[in-house]
């Protein structure tokens, strides 16, 4: 009986863990606004581990004020996501976040974007937290989508349009 309960509890715990450490960043050019709309999503528990170790706060999203989380995420993403358009660095503006089930969505924007010839990206979200972490970036520009994959030893990439 006890052995059956332990097996059931172990299965329940494993169902709540995800075996894949991945984040996805979507970047979409808005021609009429001359802007890049950016959304980055990652598993809450993965980010909570990274943010908790950075801030020394356990159960980070439960025990932190939303305005502090916004400030922390803004600083975190400023270090972890960098881009250059046509060879020039542009400022990424943090807009906010939301949690949907077990995924955290962060929203960012770059304004005054000239037509793209190339975009250089560095995307290192959670690469220093998990050895098997990989990050996917999808860039949508005038009906074309191109993608890059970032790993611990491959943190930069360039797309040409």
C-alpha atoms as a PDB file:
ATOM      1  CA  UNK A   1       0.000   0.000   0.000  1.00  0.00           C
ATOM      2  CA  UNK A   2       2.697   2.508   1.021  1.00  0.00           C
ATOM      3  CA  UNK A   3       4.815   1.504  -1.977  1.00  0.00           C
ATOM      4  CA  UNK A   4       1.826   2.169  -4.267  1.00  0.00           C
ATOM      5  CA  UNK A   5       1.308   5.616  -2.734  1.00  0.00           C
ATOM      6  CA  UNK A   6       5.019   6.442  -3.198  1.00  0.00           C
ATOM      7  CA  UNK A   7       4.885   5.405  -6.860  1.00  0.00           C
ATOM      8  CA  UNK A   8       1.744   7.508  -7.352  1.00  0.00           C
ATOM      9  CA  UNK A   9       3.353  10.559  -5.648  1.00  0.00           C
ATOM     10  CA  UNK A  10       6.528  10.181  -7.728  1.00  0.00           C
ATOM     11  CA  UNK A  11       4.449  10.068 -10.909  1.00  0.00           C
ATOM     12  CA  UNK A  12       2.522  13.138  -9.809  1.00  0.00           C
ATOM     13  CA  UNK A  13       5.748  15.050  -9.145  1.00  0.00           C
ATOM     14  CA  UNK A  14       7.221  14.059 -12.502  1.00  0.00           C
ATOM     15  CA  UNK A  15       4.078  15.227 -14.311  1.00  0.00           C
ATOM     16  CA  UNK A  16       4.606  18.727 -12.892  1.00  0.00           C
ATOM     17  CA  UNK A  17       8.202  18.896 -14.100  1.00  0.00           C
ATOM     18  CA  UNK A  18       8.992  19.550 -17.709  1.00  0.00           C
ATOM     19  CA  UNK A  19      11.902  17.682 -19.288  1.00  0.00           C
ATOM     20  CA  UNK A  20      12.816  20.460 -21.713  1.00  0.00           C
ATOM     21  CA  UNK A  21      14.504  23.773 -20.935  1.00  0.00           C
ATOM     22  CA  UNK A  22      13.513  26.095 -23.753  1.00  0.00           C
ATOM     23  CA  UNK A  23      12.457  29.674 -24.302  1.00  0.00           C
ATOM     24  CA  UNK A  24      10.935  31.180 -27.407  1.00  0.00           C
ATOM     25  CA  UNK A  25      11.272  34.753 -28.567  1.00  0.00           C
ATOM     26  CA  UNK A  26       9.089  36.124 -31.365  1.00  0.00           C
ATOM     27  CA  UNK A  27      10.086  39.356 -33.084  1.00  0.00           C
ATOM     28  CA  UNK A  28       7.660  40.861 -35.558  1.00  0.00           C
ATOM     29  CA  UNK A  29       8.219  43.960 -37.672  1.00  0.00           C
ATOM     30  CA  UNK A  30       5.223  46.307 -37.773  1.00  0.00           C
ATOM     31  CA  UNK A  31       5.719  48.306 -40.978  1.00  0.00           C
ATOM     32  CA  UNK A  32       3.007  50.908 -40.289  1.00  0.00           C
ATOM     33  CA  UNK A  33       4.430  51.642 -36.810  1.00  0.00           C
ATOM     34  CA  UNK A  34       8.096  51.195 -37.817  1.00  0.00           C
ATOM     35  CA  UNK A  35       8.553  49.022 -34.740  1.00  0.00           C
ATOM     36  CA  UNK A  36       9.557  45.564 -33.632  1.00  0.00           C
ATOM     37  CA  UNK A  37       7.045  43.879 -31.338  1.00  0.00           C
ATOM     38  CA  UNK A  38       8.848  41.297 -29.199  1.00  0.00           C
ATOM     39  CA  UNK A  39       7.406  38.583 -27.004  1.00  0.00           C
ATOM     40  CA  UNK A  40       9.566  36.217 -25.022  1.00  0.00           C
ATOM     41  CA  UNK A  41       8.149  33.214 -23.232  1.00  0.00           C
ATOM     42  CA  UNK A  42       9.690  30.759 -20.839  1.00  0.00           C
ATOM     43  CA  UNK A  43       8.571  28.329 -18.186  1.00  0.00           C
ATOM     44  CA  UNK A  44       7.745  30.072 -14.916  1.00  0.00           C
ATOM     45  CA  UNK A  45       9.600  27.518 -12.780  1.00  0.00           C
ATOM     46  CA  UNK A  46      12.776  27.922 -14.857  1.00  0.00           C
ATOM     47  CA  UNK A  47      12.683  31.703 -14.621  1.00  0.00           C
ATOM     48  CA  UNK A  48      11.746  31.524 -10.949  1.00  0.00           C
ATOM     49  CA  UNK A  49      14.918  29.537 -10.281  1.00  0.00           C
ATOM     50  CA  UNK A  50      17.032  32.102 -12.153  1.00  0.00           C
ATOM     51  CA  UNK A  51      15.353  35.146 -10.608  1.00  0.00           C
ATOM     52  CA  UNK A  52      15.298  33.625  -7.128  1.00  0.00           C
ATOM     53  CA  UNK A  53      19.036  32.998  -7.204  1.00  0.00           C
ATOM     54  CA  UNK A  54      19.607  36.532  -8.515  1.00  0.00           C
ATOM     55  CA  UNK A  55      17.452  38.185  -5.829  1.00  0.00           C
ATOM     56  CA  UNK A  56      17.661  35.633  -2.972  1.00  0.00           C
ATOM     57  CA  UNK A  57      13.853  35.395  -2.876  1.00  0.00           C
ATOM     58  CA  UNK A  58      12.221  31.953  -2.560  1.00  0.00           C
ATOM     59  CA  UNK A  59       9.007  31.370  -4.530  1.00  0.00           C
ATOM     60  CA  UNK A  60       9.928  34.482  -6.483  1.00  0.00           C
ATOM     61  CA  UNK A  61       6.617  35.152  -8.285  1.00  0.00           C
ATOM     62  CA  UNK A  62       4.519  34.451  -5.187  1.00  0.00           C
ATOM     63  CA  UNK A  63       6.615  36.499  -2.744  1.00  0.00           C
ATOM     64  CA  UNK A  64       7.562  39.542  -4.798  1.00  0.00           C
ATOM     65  CA  UNK A  65       5.575  42.700  -5.544  1.00  0.00           C
ATOM     66  CA  UNK A  66       4.569  43.083  -9.225  1.00  0.00           C
ATOM     67  CA  UNK A  67       6.423  46.391  -9.601  1.00  0.00           C
ATOM     68  CA  UNK A  68       9.615  44.750  -8.296  1.00  0.00           C
ATOM     69  CA  UNK A  69       9.123  41.827 -10.666  1.00  0.00           C
ATOM     70  CA  UNK A  70       8.724  44.299 -13.549  1.00  0.00           C
ATOM     71  CA  UNK A  71      11.977  46.033 -12.575  1.00  0.00           C
ATOM     72  CA  UNK A  72      13.807  42.716 -12.184  1.00  0.00           C
ATOM     73  CA  UNK A  73      12.555  41.394 -15.529  1.00  0.00           C
ATOM     74  CA  UNK A  74      13.442  44.656 -17.258  1.00  0.00           C
ATOM     75  CA  UNK A  75      17.022  44.423 -15.934  1.00  0.00           C
ATOM     76  CA  UNK A  76      17.223  40.680 -16.644  1.00  0.00           C
ATOM     77  CA  UNK A  77      16.096  41.007 -20.251  1.00  0.00           C
ATOM     78  CA  UNK A  78      18.287  44.042 -20.869  1.00  0.00           C
ATOM     79  CA  UNK A  79      21.288  41.816 -20.101  1.00  0.00           C
ATOM     80  CA  UNK A  80      19.983  38.722 -21.890  1.00  0.00           C
ATOM     81  CA  UNK A  81      18.511  40.096 -25.141  1.00  0.00           C
ATOM     82  CA  UNK A  82      20.518  42.423 -27.342  1.00  0.00           C
ATOM     83  CA  UNK A  83      19.981  43.326 -30.949  1.00  0.00           C
ATOM     84  CA  UNK A  84      21.441  45.418 -33.689  1.00  0.00           C
ATOM     85  CA  UNK A  85      19.491  46.470 -36.751  1.00  0.00           C
ATOM     86  CA  UNK A  86      21.529  47.085 -39.897  1.00  0.00           C
ATOM     87  CA  UNK A  87      24.637  47.140 -37.689  1.00  0.00           C
ATOM     88  CA  UNK A  88      23.309  49.696 -35.188  1.00  0.00           C
ATOM     89  CA  UNK A  89      22.273  48.874 -31.615  1.00  0.00           C
ATOM     90  CA  UNK A  90      18.747  49.906 -30.712  1.00  0.00           C
ATOM     91  CA  UNK A  91      17.124  50.334 -27.323  1.00  0.00           C
ATOM     92  CA  UNK A  92      14.646  47.661 -26.331  1.00  0.00           C
ATOM     93  CA  UNK A  93      11.756  48.980 -24.248  1.00  0.00           C
ATOM     94  CA  UNK A  94      10.265  46.630 -21.652  1.00  0.00           C
ATOM     95  CA  UNK A  95       6.448  46.780 -21.702  1.00  0.00           C
ATOM     96  CA  UNK A  96       5.411  44.186 -19.119  1.00  0.00           C
ATOM     97  CA  UNK A  97       4.704  40.546 -18.418  1.00  0.00           C
ATOM     98  CA  UNK A  98       1.900  38.106 -17.772  1.00  0.00           C
ATOM     99  CA  UNK A  99       1.727  34.534 -16.540  1.00  0.00           C
ATOM    100  CA  UNK A 100      -0.430  32.076 -18.429  1.00  0.00           C
ATOM    101  CA  UNK A 101      -0.601  28.623 -16.816  1.00  0.00           C
ATOM    102  CA  UNK A 102       3.064  27.616 -16.411  1.00  0.00           C
ATOM    103  CA  UNK A 103       4.477  30.069 -18.977  1.00  0.00           C
ATOM    104  CA  UNK A 104       5.651  33.629 -18.408  1.00  0.00           C
ATOM    105  CA  UNK A 105       5.283  36.040 -21.326  1.00  0.00           C
ATOM    106  CA  UNK A 106       7.409  39.196 -21.476  1.00  0.00           C
ATOM    107  CA  UNK A 107       6.561  41.965 -23.902  1.00  0.00           C
ATOM    108  CA  UNK A 108       9.100  44.366 -25.383  1.00  0.00           C
ATOM    109  CA  UNK A 109       9.272  46.863 -28.214  1.00  0.00           C
ATOM    110  CA  UNK A 110      11.801  48.647 -30.381  1.00  0.00           C
ATOM    111  CA  UNK A 111      10.611  51.857 -32.041  1.00  0.00           C
ATOM    112  CA  UNK A 112      11.879  53.949 -34.961  1.00  0.00           C
ATOM    113  CA  UNK A 113      13.083  50.876 -36.847  1.00  0.00           C
ATOM    114  CA  UNK A 114      14.305  51.417 -40.389  1.00  0.00           C
ATOM    115  CA  UNK A 115      13.648  48.729 -42.997  1.00  0.00           C
ATOM    116  CA  UNK A 116      15.658  45.631 -42.115  1.00  0.00           C
ATOM    117  CA  UNK A 117      18.670  44.521 -44.060  1.00  0.00           C
ATOM    118  CA  UNK A 118      20.065  42.524 -41.170  1.00  0.00           C
ATOM    119  CA  UNK A 119      19.388  41.846 -37.519  1.00  0.00           C
ATOM    120  CA  UNK A 120      22.137  40.706 -35.149  1.00  0.00           C
ATOM    121  CA  UNK A 121      20.868  38.958 -32.036  1.00  0.00           C
ATOM    122  CA  UNK A 122      22.288  37.835 -28.733  1.00  0.00           C
ATOM    123  CA  UNK A 123      19.778  35.861 -26.665  1.00  0.00           C
ATOM    124  CA  UNK A 124      21.142  34.253 -23.505  1.00  0.00           C
ATOM    125  CA  UNK A 125      18.000  33.813 -21.373  1.00  0.00           C
ATOM    126  CA  UNK A 126      18.538  30.963 -18.874  1.00  0.00           C
ATOM    127  CA  UNK A 127      21.651  29.653 -20.648  1.00  0.00           C
ATOM    128  CA  UNK A 128      23.626  30.136 -17.436  1.00  0.00           C
ATOM    129  CA  UNK A 129      20.907  28.382 -15.380  1.00  0.00           C
ATOM    130  CA  UNK A 130      20.525  25.093 -17.295  1.00  0.00           C
ATOM    131  CA  UNK A 131      23.191  23.201 -19.249  1.00  0.00           C
ATOM    132  CA  UNK A 132      20.594  21.855 -21.687  1.00  0.00           C
ATOM    133  CA  UNK A 133      18.774  25.168 -22.178  1.00  0.00           C
ATOM    134  CA  UNK A 134      18.143  26.301 -25.732  1.00  0.00           C
ATOM    135  CA  UNK A 135      16.465  29.443 -26.983  1.00  0.00           C
ATOM    136  CA  UNK A 136      14.593  29.850 -30.235  1.00  0.00           C
ATOM    137  CA  UNK A 137      14.100  33.219 -31.909  1.00  0.00           C
ATOM    138  CA  UNK A 138      11.671  33.722 -34.781  1.00  0.00           C
ATOM    139  CA  UNK A 139      11.833  36.982 -36.736  1.00  0.00           C
ATOM    140  CA  UNK A 140       8.905  37.925 -38.972  1.00  0.00           C
ATOM    141  CA  UNK A 141       9.608  40.627 -41.525  1.00  0.00           C
ATOM    142  CA  UNK A 142       7.279  41.560 -44.405  1.00  0.00           C
ATOM    143  CA  UNK A 143       5.815  38.066 -44.741  1.00  0.00           C
ATOM    144  CA  UNK A 144       9.095  36.191 -44.262  1.00  0.00           C
ATOM    145  CA  UNK A 145       9.955  34.261 -41.109  1.00  0.00           C
ATOM    146  CA  UNK A 146      13.520  33.307 -40.223  1.00  0.00           C
ATOM    147  CA  UNK A 147      14.682  31.550 -37.079  1.00  0.00           C
ATOM    148  CA  UNK A 148      17.780  31.070 -34.956  1.00  0.00           C
ATOM    149  CA  UNK A 149      18.613  28.640 -32.157  1.00  0.00           C
ATOM    150  CA  UNK A 150      20.867  29.716 -29.295  1.00  0.00           C
ATOM    151  CA  UNK A 151      22.788  27.367 -26.999  1.00  0.00           C
ATOM    152  CA  UNK A 152      25.260  27.801 -24.158  1.00  0.00           C
ATOM    153  CA  UNK A 153      28.181  27.855 -26.637  1.00  0.00           C
ATOM    154  CA  UNK A 154      26.273  29.627 -29.427  1.00  0.00           C
ATOM    155  CA  UNK A 155      24.760  32.865 -28.121  1.00  0.00           C
ATOM    156  CA  UNK A 156      24.829  35.129 -31.187  1.00  0.00           C
ATOM    157  CA  UNK A 157      23.414  35.043 -34.663  1.00  0.00           C
ATOM    158  CA  UNK A 158      22.597  37.191 -37.671  1.00  0.00           C
ATOM    159  CA  UNK A 159      19.681  37.113 -40.065  1.00  0.00           C
ATOM    160  CA  UNK A 160      19.692  38.937 -43.405  1.00  0.00           C
ATOM    161  CA  UNK A 161      16.642  40.143 -45.297  1.00  0.00           C
END
